[in-house]
Amino acid sequence: MPDPIETPIADAILDATGLNCPEPVMMLHQKVRDLAAGGLLKVIATDPSTRRDIPKFCVFLGHELVDQQVEGTTFLYWIRKKAD
């Protein structure tokens, strides 16, 4: 039996549950600013547009999208802030 996938441990959490575009990404932008370089942020969202917007946000600003998961109608993202 394969080992269970380990969920990354976050330094901070952003709960954007119930918010719609563009609010989750706007909140994400501010939360990442407050995070130390190399820090890991977990984002919890329910807006399906985050499946498109958050990966693009990471590419555009140079952050690493470490993992993303879907649990029912909830979307989970782990983002590592780029080094300064």
PDB file of N, CA and C in Angstrom:
ATOM      1  N   MET A   1       0.846  -1.180   0.000  1.00  0.00           N
ATOM      2  CA  MET A   1       0.000   0.000   0.000  1.00  0.00           C
ATOM      3  C   MET A   1       0.894   1.246   0.000  1.00  0.00           C
ATOM      4  N   PRO A   2       0.618   2.221  -0.881  1.00  0.00           N
ATOM      5  CA  PRO A   2       1.460   3.415  -0.934  1.00  0.00           C
ATOM      6  C   PRO A   2       1.290   4.277   0.312  1.00  0.00           C
ATOM      7  N   ASP A   3       2.351   5.036   0.622  1.00  0.00           N
ATOM      8  CA  ASP A   3       2.285   5.967   1.750  1.00  0.00           C
ATOM      9  C   ASP A   3       1.269   7.055   1.454  1.00  0.00           C
ATOM     10  N   PRO A   4       0.536   7.501   2.476  1.00  0.00           N
ATOM     11  CA  PRO A   4      -0.409   8.602   2.243  1.00  0.00           C
ATOM     12  C   PRO A   4       0.359   9.875   1.893  1.00  0.00           C
ATOM     13  N   ILE A   5      -0.253  10.706   1.073  1.00  0.00           N
ATOM     14  CA  ILE A   5       0.363  11.967   0.674  1.00  0.00           C
ATOM     15  C   ILE A   5       0.372  12.897   1.884  1.00  0.00           C
ATOM     16  N   GLU A   6       1.544  13.464   2.156  1.00  0.00           N
ATOM     17  CA  GLU A   6       1.657  14.381   3.285  1.00  0.00           C
ATOM     18  C   GLU A   6       1.191  15.766   2.876  1.00  0.00           C
ATOM     19  N   THR A   7       0.362  16.362   3.700  1.00  0.00           N
ATOM     20  CA  THR A   7      -0.106  17.720   3.465  1.00  0.00           C
ATOM     21  C   THR A   7       0.939  18.683   4.005  1.00  0.00           C
ATOM     22  N   PRO A   8       1.353  19.656   3.189  1.00  0.00           N
ATOM     23  CA  PRO A   8       2.353  20.616   3.667  1.00  0.00           C
ATOM     24  C   PRO A   8       1.854  21.383   4.894  1.00  0.00           C
ATOM     25  N   ILE A   9       2.768  21.697   5.800  1.00  0.00           N
ATOM     26  CA  ILE A   9       2.432  22.471   7.000  1.00  0.00           C
ATOM     27  C   ILE A   9       2.677  23.942   6.705  1.00  0.00           C
ATOM     28  N   ALA A  10       1.639  24.744   6.861  1.00  0.00           N
ATOM     29  CA  ALA A  10       1.697  26.161   6.495  1.00  0.00           C
ATOM     30  C   ALA A  10       2.175  27.029   7.651  1.00  0.00           C
ATOM     31  N   ASP A  11       2.848  28.124   7.290  1.00  0.00           N
ATOM     32  CA  ASP A  11       3.248  29.145   8.259  1.00  0.00           C
ATOM     33  C   ASP A  11       2.092  30.100   8.543  1.00  0.00           C
ATOM     34  N   ALA A  12       1.186  30.229   7.575  1.00  0.00           N
ATOM     35  CA  ALA A  12       0.028  31.119   7.707  1.00  0.00           C
ATOM     36  C   ALA A  12      -1.116  30.544   6.885  1.00  0.00           C
ATOM     37  N   ILE A  13      -2.336  30.945   7.231  1.00  0.00           N
ATOM     38  CA  ILE A  13      -3.533  30.471   6.528  1.00  0.00           C
ATOM     39  C   ILE A  13      -4.374  31.669   6.114  1.00  0.00           C
ATOM     40  N   LEU A  14      -4.867  31.610   4.881  1.00  0.00           N
ATOM     41  CA  LEU A  14      -5.817  32.603   4.376  1.00  0.00           C
ATOM     42  C   LEU A  14      -7.120  31.875   4.089  1.00  0.00           C
ATOM     43  N   ASP A  15      -8.169  32.219   4.812  1.00  0.00           N
ATOM     44  CA  ASP A  15      -9.481  31.606   4.599  1.00  0.00           C
ATOM     45  C   ASP A  15     -10.337  32.561   3.777  1.00  0.00           C
ATOM     46  N   ALA A  16     -10.490  32.244   2.497  1.00  0.00           N
ATOM     47  CA  ALA A  16     -11.295  33.064   1.591  1.00  0.00           C
ATOM     48  C   ALA A  16     -12.621  32.374   1.280  1.00  0.00           C
ATOM     49  N   THR A  17     -13.062  31.505   2.175  1.00  0.00           N
ATOM     50  CA  THR A  17     -14.316  30.780   2.003  1.00  0.00           C
ATOM     51  C   THR A  17     -15.479  31.760   1.841  1.00  0.00           C
ATOM     52  N   GLY A  18     -16.299  31.519   0.817  1.00  0.00           N
ATOM     53  CA  GLY A  18     -17.482  32.344   0.586  1.00  0.00           C
ATOM     54  C   GLY A  18     -17.229  33.615  -0.201  1.00  0.00           C
ATOM     55  N   LEU A  19     -15.978  33.928  -0.482  1.00  0.00           N
ATOM     56  CA  LEU A  19     -15.657  35.140  -1.238  1.00  0.00           C
ATOM     57  C   LEU A  19     -15.534  34.820  -2.717  1.00  0.00           C
ATOM     58  N   ASN A  20     -15.909  35.789  -3.545  1.00  0.00           N
ATOM     59  CA  ASN A  20     -15.844  35.608  -4.993  1.00  0.00           C
ATOM     60  C   ASN A  20     -14.831  36.556  -5.606  1.00  0.00           C
ATOM     61  N   CYS A  21     -14.430  36.215  -6.830  1.00  0.00           N
ATOM     62  CA  CYS A  21     -13.470  36.998  -7.600  1.00  0.00           C
ATOM     63  C   CYS A  21     -13.891  38.473  -7.601  1.00  0.00           C
ATOM     64  N   PRO A  22     -12.992  39.378  -7.351  1.00  0.00           N
ATOM     65  CA  PRO A  22     -11.532  39.260  -7.226  1.00  0.00           C
ATOM     66  C   PRO A  22     -11.038  39.187  -5.786  1.00  0.00           C
ATOM     67  N   GLU A  23     -11.937  39.079  -4.809  1.00  0.00           N
ATOM     68  CA  GLU A  23     -11.542  39.167  -3.401  1.00  0.00           C
ATOM     69  C   GLU A  23     -10.491  38.145  -2.956  1.00  0.00           C
ATOM     70  N   PRO A  24     -10.610  36.846  -3.312  1.00  0.00           N
ATOM     71  CA  PRO A  24      -9.587  35.907  -2.837  1.00  0.00           C
ATOM     72  C   PRO A  24      -8.168  36.286  -3.273  1.00  0.00           C
ATOM     73  N   VAL A  25      -8.009  36.710  -4.513  1.00  0.00           N
ATOM     74  CA  VAL A  25      -6.668  37.058  -4.998  1.00  0.00           C
ATOM     75  C   VAL A  25      -6.190  38.371  -4.387  1.00  0.00           C
ATOM     76  N   MET A  26      -7.092  39.312  -4.169  1.00  0.00           N
ATOM     77  CA  MET A  26      -6.703  40.565  -3.517  1.00  0.00           C
ATOM     78  C   MET A  26      -6.221  40.287  -2.091  1.00  0.00           C
ATOM     79  N   MET A  27      -6.939  39.434  -1.377  1.00  0.00           N
ATOM     80  CA  MET A  27      -6.536  39.072  -0.019  1.00  0.00           C
ATOM     81  C   MET A  27      -5.227  38.279  -0.032  1.00  0.00           C
ATOM     82  N   LEU A  28      -5.078  37.413  -1.028  1.00  0.00           N
ATOM     83  CA  LEU A  28      -3.858  36.626  -1.176  1.00  0.00           C
ATOM     84  C   LEU A  28      -2.652  37.541  -1.362  1.00  0.00           C
ATOM     85  N   HIS A  29      -2.805  38.544  -2.195  1.00  0.00           N
ATOM     86  CA  HIS A  29      -1.710  39.478  -2.463  1.00  0.00           C
ATOM     87  C   HIS A  29      -1.241  40.132  -1.160  1.00  0.00           C
ATOM     88  N   GLN A  30      -2.166  40.576  -0.338  1.00  0.00           N
ATOM     89  CA  GLN A  30      -1.804  41.218   0.929  1.00  0.00           C
ATOM     90  C   GLN A  30      -1.182  40.221   1.902  1.00  0.00           C
ATOM     91  N   LYS A  31      -1.743  39.028   1.972  1.00  0.00           N
ATOM     92  CA  LYS A  31      -1.241  38.021   2.917  1.00  0.00           C
ATOM     93  C   LYS A  31       0.183  37.595   2.554  1.00  0.00           C
ATOM     94  N   VAL A  32       0.464  37.461   1.256  1.00  0.00           N
ATOM     95  CA  VAL A  32       1.808  37.085   0.815  1.00  0.00           C
ATOM     96  C   VAL A  32       2.802  38.189   1.177  1.00  0.00           C
ATOM     97  N   ARG A  33       2.396  39.431   1.058  1.00  0.00           N
ATOM     98  CA  ARG A  33       3.274  40.554   1.434  1.00  0.00           C
ATOM     99  C   ARG A  33       3.707  40.447   2.890  1.00  0.00           C
ATOM    100  N   ASP A  34       2.797  40.007   3.745  1.00  0.00           N
ATOM    101  CA  ASP A  34       3.073  39.918   5.182  1.00  0.00           C
ATOM    102  C   ASP A  34       3.885  38.678   5.563  1.00  0.00           C
ATOM    103  N   LEU A  35       4.032  37.738   4.635  1.00  0.00           N
ATOM    104  CA  LEU A  35       4.716  36.475   4.890  1.00  0.00           C
ATOM    105  C   LEU A  35       6.220  36.640   4.672  1.00  0.00           C
ATOM    106  N   ALA A  36       7.023  35.982   5.489  1.00  0.00           N
ATOM    107  CA  ALA A  36       8.476  36.013   5.316  1.00  0.00           C
ATOM    108  C   ALA A  36       8.857  35.284   4.027  1.00  0.00           C
ATOM    109  N   ALA A  37       9.971  35.688   3.430  1.00  0.00           N
ATOM    110  CA  ALA A  37      10.473  35.015   2.227  1.00  0.00           C
ATOM    111  C   ALA A  37      10.655  33.533   2.526  1.00  0.00           C
ATOM    112  N   GLY A  38      10.184  32.685   1.619  1.00  0.00           N
ATOM    113  CA  GLY A  38      10.271  31.242   1.808  1.00  0.00           C
ATOM    114  C   GLY A  38       9.151  30.668   2.655  1.00  0.00           C
ATOM    115  N   GLY A  39       8.292  31.535   3.198  1.00  0.00           N
ATOM    116  CA  GLY A  39       7.180  31.075   4.025  1.00  0.00           C
ATOM    117  C   GLY A  39       6.125  30.358   3.201  1.00  0.00           C
ATOM    118  N   LEU A  40       5.379  29.489   3.844  1.00  0.00           N
ATOM    119  CA  LEU A  40       4.351  28.702   3.166  1.00  0.00           C
ATOM    120  C   LEU A  40       2.971  29.154   3.632  1.00  0.00           C
ATOM    121  N   LEU A  41       2.141  29.512   2.678  1.00  0.00           N
ATOM    122  CA  LEU A  41       0.783  29.989   2.942  1.00  0.00           C
ATOM    123  C   LEU A  41      -0.223  28.967   2.431  1.00  0.00           C
ATOM    124  N   LYS A  42      -1.191  28.631   3.280  1.00  0.00           N
ATOM    125  CA  LYS A  42      -2.305  27.772   2.860  1.00  0.00           C
ATOM    126  C   LYS A  42      -3.495  28.673   2.580  1.00  0.00           C
ATOM    127  N   VAL A  43      -4.105  28.501   1.413  1.00  0.00           N
ATOM    128  CA  VAL A  43      -5.284  29.272   1.030  1.00  0.00           C
ATOM    129  C   VAL A  43      -6.466  28.316   0.944  1.00  0.00           C
ATOM    130  N   ILE A  44      -7.574  28.703   1.566  1.00  0.00           N
ATOM    131  CA  ILE A  44      -8.820  27.943   1.517  1.00  0.00           C
ATOM    132  C   ILE A  44      -9.831  28.812   0.784  1.00  0.00           C
ATOM    133  N   ALA A  45     -10.400  28.291  -0.300  1.00  0.00           N
ATOM    134  CA  ALA A  45     -11.332  29.079  -1.105  1.00  0.00           C
ATOM    135  C   ALA A  45     -12.477  28.201  -1.593  1.00  0.00           C
ATOM    136  N   THR A  46     -13.593  28.851  -1.922  1.00  0.00           N
ATOM    137  CA  THR A  46     -14.738  28.136  -2.484  1.00  0.00           C
ATOM    138  C   THR A  46     -15.100  28.650  -3.871  1.00  0.00           C
ATOM    139  N   ASP A  47     -14.457  29.704  -4.321  1.00  0.00           N
ATOM    140  CA  ASP A  47     -14.727  30.265  -5.647  1.00  0.00           C
ATOM    141  C   ASP A  47     -13.965  29.455  -6.698  1.00  0.00           C
ATOM    142  N   PRO A  48     -14.675  28.803  -7.628  1.00  0.00           N
ATOM    143  CA  PRO A  48     -14.003  27.995  -8.647  1.00  0.00           C
ATOM    144  C   PRO A  48     -13.013  28.782  -9.510  1.00  0.00           C
ATOM    145  N   SER A  49     -13.186  30.091  -9.624  1.00  0.00           N
ATOM    146  CA  SER A  49     -12.255  30.872 -10.447  1.00  0.00           C
ATOM    147  C   SER A  49     -10.851  30.897  -9.845  1.00  0.00           C
ATOM    148  N   THR A  50     -10.713  30.539  -8.564  1.00  0.00           N
ATOM    149  CA  THR A  50      -9.376  30.492  -7.967  1.00  0.00           C
ATOM    150  C   THR A  50      -8.523  29.403  -8.605  1.00  0.00           C
ATOM    151  N   ARG A  51      -9.148  28.403  -9.198  1.00  0.00           N
ATOM    152  CA  ARG A  51      -8.396  27.333  -9.871  1.00  0.00           C
ATOM    153  C   ARG A  51      -7.599  27.891 -11.040  1.00  0.00           C
ATOM    154  N   ARG A  52      -8.072  28.970 -11.613  1.00  0.00           N
ATOM    155  CA  ARG A  52      -7.368  29.650 -12.699  1.00  0.00           C
ATOM    156  C   ARG A  52      -6.505  30.781 -12.145  1.00  0.00           C
ATOM    157  N   ASP A  53      -7.086  31.568 -11.248  1.00  0.00           N
ATOM    158  CA  ASP A  53      -6.446  32.809 -10.805  1.00  0.00           C
ATOM    159  C   ASP A  53      -5.229  32.602  -9.904  1.00  0.00           C
ATOM    160  N   ILE A  54      -5.284  31.672  -8.992  1.00  0.00           N
ATOM    161  CA  ILE A  54      -4.169  31.502  -8.053  1.00  0.00           C
ATOM    162  C   ILE A  54      -2.919  30.957  -8.739  1.00  0.00           C
ATOM    163  N   PRO A  55      -3.016  29.937  -9.601  1.00  0.00           N
ATOM    164  CA  PRO A  55      -1.800  29.530 -10.321  1.00  0.00           C
ATOM    165  C   PRO A  55      -1.206  30.662 -11.169  1.00  0.00           C
ATOM    166  N   LYS A  56      -2.058  31.458 -11.818  1.00  0.00           N
ATOM    167  CA  LYS A  56      -1.560  32.590 -12.609  1.00  0.00           C
ATOM    168  C   LYS A  56      -0.894  33.629 -11.715  1.00  0.00           C
ATOM    169  N   PHE A  57      -1.469  33.888 -10.553  1.00  0.00           N
ATOM    170  CA  PHE A  57      -0.890  34.807  -9.577  1.00  0.00           C
ATOM    171  C   PHE A  57       0.529  34.362  -9.219  1.00  0.00           C
ATOM    172  N   CYS A  58       0.690  33.072  -8.950  1.00  0.00           N
ATOM    173  CA  CYS A  58       1.998  32.538  -8.565  1.00  0.00           C
ATOM    174  C   CYS A  58       3.019  32.686  -9.687  1.00  0.00           C
ATOM    175  N   VAL A  59       2.630  32.348 -10.893  1.00  0.00           N
ATOM    176  CA  VAL A  59       3.541  32.467 -12.034  1.00  0.00           C
ATOM    177  C   VAL A  59       3.927  33.923 -12.251  1.00  0.00           C
ATOM    178  N   PHE A  60       2.958  34.802 -12.232  1.00  0.00           N
ATOM    179  CA  PHE A  60       3.191  36.218 -12.510  1.00  0.00           C
ATOM    180  C   PHE A  60       4.134  36.856 -11.487  1.00  0.00           C
ATOM    181  N   LEU A  61       3.987  36.481 -10.204  1.00  0.00           N
ATOM    182  CA  LEU A  61       4.785  37.108  -9.152  1.00  0.00           C
ATOM    183  C   LEU A  61       5.983  36.266  -8.703  1.00  0.00           C
ATOM    184  N   GLY A  62       6.135  35.076  -9.272  1.00  0.00           N
ATOM    185  CA  GLY A  62       7.315  34.266  -8.989  1.00  0.00           C
ATOM    186  C   GLY A  62       7.245  33.417  -7.735  1.00  0.00           C
ATOM    187  N   HIS A  63       6.051  33.221  -7.198  1.00  0.00           N
ATOM    188  CA  HIS A  63       5.883  32.357  -6.031  1.00  0.00           C
ATOM    189  C   HIS A  63       5.678  30.919  -6.510  1.00  0.00           C
ATOM    190  N   GLU A  64       5.934  29.957  -5.633  1.00  0.00           N
ATOM    191  CA  GLU A  64       5.791  28.545  -5.995  1.00  0.00           C
ATOM    192  C   GLU A  64       4.453  28.003  -5.499  1.00  0.00           C
ATOM    193  N   LEU A  65       3.680  27.443  -6.418  1.00  0.00           N
ATOM    194  CA  LEU A  65       2.457  26.737  -6.042  1.00  0.00           C
ATOM    195  C   LEU A  65       2.885  25.314  -5.686  1.00  0.00           C
ATOM    196  N   VAL A  66       3.031  25.059  -4.395  1.00  0.00           N
ATOM    197  CA  VAL A  66       3.577  23.797  -3.902  1.00  0.00           C
ATOM    198  C   VAL A  66       2.591  22.653  -4.098  1.00  0.00           C
ATOM    199  N   ASP A  67       1.316  22.922  -3.837  1.00  0.00           N
ATOM    200  CA  ASP A  67       0.295  21.877  -3.937  1.00  0.00           C
ATOM    201  C   ASP A  67      -1.064  22.535  -4.066  1.00  0.00           C
ATOM    202  N   GLN A  68      -1.990  21.812  -4.665  1.00  0.00           N
ATOM    203  CA  GLN A  68      -3.383  22.245  -4.699  1.00  0.00           C
ATOM    204  C   GLN A  68      -4.258  21.004  -4.635  1.00  0.00           C
ATOM    205  N   GLN A  69      -5.357  21.126  -3.905  1.00  0.00           N
ATOM    206  CA  GLN A  69      -6.265  20.004  -3.719  1.00  0.00           C
ATOM    207  C   GLN A  69      -7.698  20.505  -3.771  1.00  0.00           C
ATOM    208  N   VAL A  70      -8.595  19.589  -4.110  1.00  0.00           N
ATOM    209  CA  VAL A  70     -10.021  19.891  -4.093  1.00  0.00           C
ATOM    210  C   VAL A  70     -10.672  18.925  -3.107  1.00  0.00           C
ATOM    211  N   GLU A  71     -11.442  19.490  -2.186  1.00  0.00           N
ATOM    212  CA  GLU A  71     -12.208  18.687  -1.227  1.00  0.00           C
ATOM    213  C   GLU A  71     -13.660  19.116  -1.341  1.00  0.00           C
ATOM    214  N   GLY A  72     -14.421  18.400  -2.153  1.00  0.00           N
ATOM    215  CA  GLY A  72     -15.816  18.773  -2.394  1.00  0.00           C
ATOM    216  C   GLY A  72     -15.876  20.087  -3.143  1.00  0.00           C
ATOM    217  N   THR A  73     -16.448  21.105  -2.521  1.00  0.00           N
ATOM    218  CA  THR A  73     -16.544  22.425  -3.156  1.00  0.00           C
ATOM    219  C   THR A  73     -15.502  23.399  -2.600  1.00  0.00           C
ATOM    220  N   THR A  74     -14.513  22.862  -1.899  1.00  0.00           N
ATOM    221  CA  THR A  74     -13.453  23.694  -1.327  1.00  0.00           C
ATOM    222  C   THR A  74     -12.145  23.446  -2.067  1.00  0.00           C
ATOM    223  N   PHE A  75     -11.458  24.534  -2.372  1.00  0.00           N
ATOM    224  CA  PHE A  75     -10.185  24.479  -3.087  1.00  0.00           C
ATOM    225  C   PHE A  75      -9.080  24.886  -2.115  1.00  0.00           C
ATOM    226  N   LEU A  76      -8.037  24.072  -2.047  1.00  0.00           N
ATOM    227  CA  LEU A  76      -6.926  24.310  -1.133  1.00  0.00           C
ATOM    228  C   LEU A  76      -5.651  24.524  -1.938  1.00  0.00           C
ATOM    229  N   TYR A  77      -4.861  25.510  -1.529  1.00  0.00           N
ATOM    230  CA  TYR A  77      -3.610  25.841  -2.212  1.00  0.00           C
ATOM    231  C   TYR A  77      -2.526  26.055  -1.167  1.00  0.00           C
ATOM    232  N   TRP A  78      -1.322  25.620  -1.475  1.00  0.00           N
ATOM    233  CA  TRP A  78      -0.153  25.897  -0.651  1.00  0.00           C
ATOM    234  C   TRP A  78       0.834  26.655  -1.521  1.00  0.00           C
ATOM    235  N   ILE A  79       1.164  27.864  -1.100  1.00  0.00           N
ATOM    236  CA  ILE A  79       2.003  28.768  -1.888  1.00  0.00           C
ATOM    237  C   ILE A  79       3.240  29.125  -1.073  1.00  0.00           C
ATOM    238  N   ARG A  80       4.414  28.914  -1.676  1.00  0.00           N
ATOM    239  CA  ARG A  80       5.665  29.308  -1.029  1.00  0.00           C
ATOM    240  C   ARG A  80       6.098  30.652  -1.597  1.00  0.00           C
ATOM    241  N   LYS A  81       6.276  31.617  -0.704  1.00  0.00           N
ATOM    242  CA  LYS A  81       6.683  32.954  -1.129  1.00  0.00           C
ATOM    243  C   LYS A  81       8.112  32.908  -1.655  1.00  0.00           C
ATOM    244  N   LYS A  82       8.333  33.601  -2.759  1.00  0.00           N
ATOM    245  CA  LYS A  82       9.670  33.618  -3.355  1.00  0.00           C
ATOM    246  C   LYS A  82      10.667  34.264  -2.393  1.00  0.00           C
ATOM    247  N   ALA A  83      11.922  33.886  -2.568  1.00  0.00           N
ATOM    248  CA  ALA A  83      12.986  34.491  -1.766  1.00  0.00           C
ATOM    249  C   ALA A  83      13.171  35.933  -2.203  1.00  0.00           C
ATOM    250  N   ASP A  84      13.558  36.768  -1.272  1.00  0.00           N
ATOM    251  CA  ASP A  84      13.782  38.186  -1.596  1.00  0.00           C
ATOM    252  C   ASP A  84      14.997  38.370  -2.481  1.00  0.00           C
TER     253      ASP A  84
END
